[in-house]
């Protein structure tokens, strides 16, 4: 019992528990809203454009790592790569744009 308590305490202190799911929740966008956002993102240049690209790449890497840790893509063809690819949606792009276009 002492060993179990010690393990639980170490897990709590070190933070070895499950990590929160990094996926950004889907939000509905009209076709016009999607087109406007895409035009805004495509108009970015230089450091702002690179910032968006980095945001999207890092987001996909976080989703893939979480998927691999949690193991929820075992029965999906393409496994966690498939999950990470399809995790990109308009709300993710909106958040990247908001962060990088300040």
N, C-alpha and C. Protein backbone atom coordinates (compact mmCIF):
# COMPACT_ATOMS: atom_id res chain seq x y z
N UNK A 1 0.82 -1.18 0.00
CA UNK A 1 0.00 0.00 0.00
C UNK A 1 0.87 1.26 0.00
N UNK A 2 1.97 1.22 0.74
CA UNK A 2 2.87 2.37 0.77
C UNK A 2 3.49 2.61 -0.61
N UNK A 3 3.82 1.53 -1.31
CA UNK A 3 4.42 1.66 -2.63
C UNK A 3 3.42 2.29 -3.59
N UNK A 4 2.17 1.86 -3.55
CA UNK A 4 1.14 2.41 -4.40
C UNK A 4 0.94 3.89 -4.12
N UNK A 5 0.91 4.27 -2.84
CA UNK A 5 0.77 5.68 -2.47
C UNK A 5 1.96 6.49 -2.97
N UNK A 6 3.16 5.95 -2.83
CA UNK A 6 4.36 6.65 -3.27
C UNK A 6 4.33 6.84 -4.78
N UNK A 7 3.91 5.83 -5.52
CA UNK A 7 3.81 5.94 -6.97
C UNK A 7 2.80 7.00 -7.36
N UNK A 8 1.65 7.01 -6.70
CA UNK A 8 0.62 8.00 -6.98
C UNK A 8 1.13 9.41 -6.69
N UNK A 9 1.86 9.56 -5.62
CA UNK A 9 2.40 10.86 -5.25
C UNK A 9 3.43 11.33 -6.28
N UNK A 10 4.31 10.44 -6.69
CA UNK A 10 5.31 10.78 -7.69
C UNK A 10 4.64 11.14 -9.01
N UNK A 11 3.64 10.39 -9.40
CA UNK A 11 2.91 10.67 -10.64
C UNK A 11 2.26 12.04 -10.58
N UNK A 12 1.67 12.37 -9.47
CA UNK A 12 1.02 13.66 -9.29
C UNK A 12 2.03 14.80 -9.33
N UNK A 13 3.13 14.65 -8.63
CA UNK A 13 4.14 15.69 -8.55
C UNK A 13 4.87 15.87 -9.87
N UNK A 14 5.23 14.79 -10.52
CA UNK A 14 5.99 14.85 -11.76
C UNK A 14 5.09 15.20 -12.95
N UNK A 15 3.81 14.95 -12.84
CA UNK A 15 2.90 15.25 -13.92
C UNK A 15 2.88 14.20 -15.00
N UNK A 16 2.95 12.94 -14.61
CA UNK A 16 2.98 11.85 -15.57
C UNK A 16 1.59 11.39 -15.99
N UNK A 17 0.59 12.06 -15.51
CA UNK A 17 -0.77 11.68 -15.85
C UNK A 17 -1.06 11.96 -17.32
N UNK A 18 -2.25 11.62 -17.76
CA UNK A 18 -2.59 11.85 -19.16
C UNK A 18 -2.56 13.35 -19.51
N UNK A 19 -2.01 13.64 -20.67
CA UNK A 19 -1.95 15.02 -21.13
C UNK A 19 -3.28 15.38 -21.78
N UNK A 20 -3.68 16.65 -21.69
CA UNK A 20 -4.95 17.04 -22.30
C UNK A 20 -4.88 16.94 -23.83
N UNK A 21 -5.99 16.65 -24.41
CA UNK A 21 -6.10 16.53 -25.86
C UNK A 21 -5.89 17.91 -26.49
N UNK A 22 -4.90 18.07 -27.37
CA UNK A 22 -4.61 19.38 -27.94
C UNK A 22 -5.51 19.78 -29.11
N UNK A 23 -6.38 18.87 -29.54
CA UNK A 23 -7.20 19.19 -30.71
C UNK A 23 -8.14 20.36 -30.44
N UNK A 24 -8.19 21.25 -31.40
CA UNK A 24 -9.05 22.43 -31.34
C UNK A 24 -10.43 22.02 -31.83
N UNK A 25 -11.45 22.39 -31.08
CA UNK A 25 -12.82 21.99 -31.42
C UNK A 25 -13.28 22.62 -32.74
N UNK A 26 -13.96 21.80 -33.51
CA UNK A 26 -14.52 22.26 -34.78
C UNK A 26 -15.60 23.31 -34.52
N UNK A 27 -15.61 24.34 -35.33
CA UNK A 27 -16.65 25.37 -35.29
C UNK A 27 -17.21 25.51 -36.70
N UNK A 28 -18.52 25.71 -36.81
CA UNK A 28 -19.09 25.86 -38.15
C UNK A 28 -18.75 27.22 -38.76
N UNK A 29 -18.38 27.22 -40.03
CA UNK A 29 -18.11 28.42 -40.81
C UNK A 29 -18.89 28.33 -42.11
N UNK A 30 -19.43 29.44 -42.55
CA UNK A 30 -20.10 29.44 -43.85
C UNK A 30 -19.03 29.39 -44.94
N UNK A 31 -19.44 29.08 -46.16
CA UNK A 31 -18.50 29.06 -47.28
C UNK A 31 -17.86 30.44 -47.47
N UNK A 32 -18.65 31.49 -47.27
CA UNK A 32 -18.12 32.85 -47.42
C UNK A 32 -17.07 33.16 -46.35
N UNK A 33 -17.33 32.72 -45.12
CA UNK A 33 -16.36 32.94 -44.04
C UNK A 33 -15.06 32.17 -44.32
N UNK A 34 -15.19 30.94 -44.79
CA UNK A 34 -14.01 30.15 -45.12
C UNK A 34 -13.20 30.81 -46.22
N UNK A 35 -13.88 31.28 -47.25
CA UNK A 35 -13.20 31.91 -48.38
C UNK A 35 -12.49 33.19 -47.94
N UNK A 36 -13.14 33.98 -47.08
CA UNK A 36 -12.53 35.22 -46.59
C UNK A 36 -11.27 34.93 -45.79
N UNK A 37 -11.36 33.95 -44.88
CA UNK A 37 -10.21 33.59 -44.06
C UNK A 37 -9.07 33.06 -44.91
N UNK A 38 -9.38 32.22 -45.85
CA UNK A 38 -8.35 31.67 -46.73
C UNK A 38 -7.66 32.79 -47.53
N UNK A 39 -8.43 33.74 -47.99
CA UNK A 39 -7.85 34.88 -48.72
C UNK A 39 -6.94 35.70 -47.81
N UNK A 40 -7.37 35.90 -46.56
CA UNK A 40 -6.55 36.65 -45.60
C UNK A 40 -5.24 35.92 -45.32
N UNK A 41 -5.32 34.62 -45.12
CA UNK A 41 -4.11 33.83 -44.84
C UNK A 41 -3.20 33.83 -46.05
N UNK A 42 -3.76 33.65 -47.23
CA UNK A 42 -2.96 33.63 -48.44
C UNK A 42 -2.30 34.97 -48.74
N UNK A 43 -2.87 36.06 -48.22
CA UNK A 43 -2.31 37.39 -48.43
C UNK A 43 -1.12 37.68 -47.51
N UNK A 44 -0.96 36.87 -46.46
CA UNK A 44 0.15 37.09 -45.54
C UNK A 44 1.48 36.84 -46.26
N UNK A 45 2.49 37.56 -45.81
CA UNK A 45 3.81 37.39 -46.39
C UNK A 45 4.86 37.38 -45.29
N UNK A 46 6.04 36.91 -45.65
CA UNK A 46 7.19 36.98 -44.76
C UNK A 46 6.99 36.25 -43.45
N UNK A 47 7.33 36.93 -42.37
CA UNK A 47 7.31 36.33 -41.03
C UNK A 47 5.91 35.90 -40.61
N UNK A 48 4.90 36.65 -41.01
CA UNK A 48 3.52 36.29 -40.64
C UNK A 48 3.08 35.00 -41.33
N UNK A 49 3.45 34.87 -42.59
CA UNK A 49 3.12 33.64 -43.33
C UNK A 49 3.85 32.45 -42.72
N UNK A 50 5.13 32.64 -42.39
CA UNK A 50 5.92 31.58 -41.76
C UNK A 50 5.34 31.21 -40.40
N UNK A 51 4.86 32.20 -39.67
CA UNK A 51 4.24 31.96 -38.37
C UNK A 51 3.03 31.04 -38.50
N UNK A 52 2.18 31.32 -39.49
CA UNK A 52 1.00 30.46 -39.72
C UNK A 52 1.44 29.05 -40.07
N UNK A 53 2.39 28.92 -40.97
CA UNK A 53 2.88 27.59 -41.36
C UNK A 53 3.44 26.84 -40.16
N UNK A 54 4.21 27.53 -39.33
CA UNK A 54 4.77 26.91 -38.12
C UNK A 54 3.68 26.49 -37.16
N UNK A 55 2.68 27.35 -36.96
CA UNK A 55 1.56 27.05 -36.06
C UNK A 55 0.86 25.77 -36.50
N UNK A 56 0.56 25.68 -37.79
CA UNK A 56 -0.15 24.51 -38.31
C UNK A 56 0.69 23.24 -38.18
N UNK A 57 1.97 23.35 -38.48
CA UNK A 57 2.87 22.20 -38.37
C UNK A 57 3.00 21.74 -36.91
N UNK A 58 3.21 22.67 -36.01
CA UNK A 58 3.32 22.32 -34.59
C UNK A 58 2.02 21.74 -34.05
N UNK A 59 0.91 22.28 -34.50
CA UNK A 59 -0.40 21.77 -34.08
C UNK A 59 -0.56 20.31 -34.51
N UNK A 60 -0.22 20.01 -35.76
CA UNK A 60 -0.33 18.64 -36.23
C UNK A 60 0.61 17.71 -35.46
N UNK A 61 1.81 18.18 -35.15
CA UNK A 61 2.75 17.37 -34.38
C UNK A 61 2.21 17.07 -32.98
N UNK A 62 1.59 18.07 -32.36
CA UNK A 62 1.01 17.86 -31.02
C UNK A 62 -0.14 16.86 -31.07
N UNK A 63 -0.98 16.99 -32.09
CA UNK A 63 -2.11 16.06 -32.23
C UNK A 63 -1.59 14.63 -32.46
N UNK A 64 -0.61 14.50 -33.33
CA UNK A 64 -0.04 13.18 -33.61
C UNK A 64 0.59 12.56 -32.36
N UNK A 65 1.35 13.36 -31.61
CA UNK A 65 1.99 12.85 -30.39
C UNK A 65 0.95 12.44 -29.36
N UNK A 66 -0.11 13.23 -29.22
CA UNK A 66 -1.17 12.88 -28.27
C UNK A 66 -1.86 11.60 -28.70
N UNK A 67 -2.11 11.47 -29.98
CA UNK A 67 -2.74 10.27 -30.51
C UNK A 67 -1.89 9.04 -30.23
N UNK A 68 -0.59 9.15 -30.45
CA UNK A 68 0.30 8.02 -30.20
C UNK A 68 0.34 7.66 -28.72
N UNK A 69 0.36 8.66 -27.86
CA UNK A 69 0.37 8.41 -26.41
C UNK A 69 -0.94 7.77 -25.95
N UNK A 70 -2.05 8.28 -26.47
CA UNK A 70 -3.36 7.80 -26.04
C UNK A 70 -3.77 6.52 -26.74
N UNK A 71 -3.25 6.28 -27.94
CA UNK A 71 -3.52 5.04 -28.67
C UNK A 71 -4.91 4.94 -29.26
N UNK A 72 -5.53 6.07 -29.62
CA UNK A 72 -6.91 5.99 -30.11
C UNK A 72 -7.03 5.84 -31.63
N UNK A 73 -5.95 5.57 -32.33
CA UNK A 73 -6.03 5.39 -33.78
C UNK A 73 -5.57 4.01 -34.22
N UNK A 74 -5.63 3.06 -33.32
CA UNK A 74 -5.12 1.72 -33.62
C UNK A 74 -5.84 1.04 -34.78
N UNK A 75 -7.13 1.32 -34.94
CA UNK A 75 -7.91 0.64 -35.97
C UNK A 75 -8.19 1.51 -37.18
N UNK A 76 -7.40 2.57 -37.34
CA UNK A 76 -7.58 3.49 -38.46
C UNK A 76 -6.41 3.33 -39.41
N UNK A 77 -6.72 3.21 -40.69
CA UNK A 77 -5.65 3.13 -41.68
C UNK A 77 -4.90 4.46 -41.67
N UNK A 78 -3.60 4.40 -41.60
CA UNK A 78 -2.81 5.61 -41.51
C UNK A 78 -2.54 6.02 -40.08
N UNK A 79 -3.22 5.35 -39.16
CA UNK A 79 -3.02 5.55 -37.72
C UNK A 79 -3.02 7.04 -37.35
N UNK A 80 -2.09 7.48 -36.54
CA UNK A 80 -2.09 8.84 -36.00
C UNK A 80 -1.75 9.88 -37.05
N UNK A 81 -1.06 9.49 -38.10
CA UNK A 81 -0.80 10.43 -39.19
C UNK A 81 -2.12 10.86 -39.82
N UNK A 82 -3.04 9.92 -39.96
CA UNK A 82 -4.37 10.21 -40.51
C UNK A 82 -5.11 11.18 -39.59
N UNK A 83 -5.07 10.92 -38.29
CA UNK A 83 -5.74 11.80 -37.32
C UNK A 83 -5.16 13.21 -37.39
N UNK A 84 -3.84 13.32 -37.43
CA UNK A 84 -3.18 14.64 -37.46
C UNK A 84 -3.52 15.40 -38.74
N UNK A 85 -3.56 14.69 -39.85
CA UNK A 85 -3.87 15.33 -41.13
C UNK A 85 -5.28 15.91 -41.10
N UNK A 86 -6.22 15.15 -40.57
CA UNK A 86 -7.61 15.57 -40.57
C UNK A 86 -7.97 16.46 -39.38
N UNK A 87 -7.00 16.75 -38.54
CA UNK A 87 -7.25 17.66 -37.41
C UNK A 87 -7.23 19.11 -37.86
N UNK A 88 -6.72 19.37 -39.05
CA UNK A 88 -6.71 20.74 -39.57
C UNK A 88 -8.09 21.07 -40.12
N UNK A 89 -8.65 22.14 -39.62
CA UNK A 89 -9.95 22.62 -40.11
C UNK A 89 -9.97 24.14 -39.97
N UNK A 90 -11.06 24.75 -40.33
CA UNK A 90 -11.12 26.21 -40.41
C UNK A 90 -10.84 26.89 -39.09
N UNK A 91 -11.30 26.35 -37.99
CA UNK A 91 -11.06 26.98 -36.69
C UNK A 91 -9.57 26.98 -36.34
N UNK A 92 -8.86 25.95 -36.72
CA UNK A 92 -7.42 25.89 -36.49
C UNK A 92 -6.74 26.99 -37.31
N UNK A 93 -7.14 27.12 -38.56
CA UNK A 93 -6.57 28.16 -39.41
C UNK A 93 -6.90 29.55 -38.85
N UNK A 94 -8.11 29.72 -38.34
CA UNK A 94 -8.50 31.00 -37.74
C UNK A 94 -7.62 31.34 -36.54
N UNK A 95 -7.37 30.36 -35.70
CA UNK A 95 -6.53 30.59 -34.52
C UNK A 95 -5.10 30.91 -34.93
N UNK A 96 -4.59 30.23 -35.95
CA UNK A 96 -3.24 30.51 -36.44
C UNK A 96 -3.18 31.94 -36.97
N UNK A 97 -4.17 32.31 -37.74
CA UNK A 97 -4.22 33.66 -38.32
C UNK A 97 -4.28 34.72 -37.22
N UNK A 98 -5.15 34.49 -36.23
CA UNK A 98 -5.28 35.45 -35.13
C UNK A 98 -3.95 35.63 -34.37
N UNK A 99 -3.28 34.54 -34.12
CA UNK A 99 -2.03 34.60 -33.37
C UNK A 99 -0.92 35.26 -34.18
N UNK A 100 -0.88 35.01 -35.46
CA UNK A 100 0.24 35.46 -36.28
C UNK A 100 0.03 36.82 -36.94
N UNK A 101 -1.18 37.30 -36.96
CA UNK A 101 -1.46 38.57 -37.64
C UNK A 101 -1.73 39.68 -36.62
N UNK A 102 -0.90 39.75 -35.61
CA UNK A 102 -1.09 40.78 -34.58
C UNK A 102 -0.23 41.97 -34.88
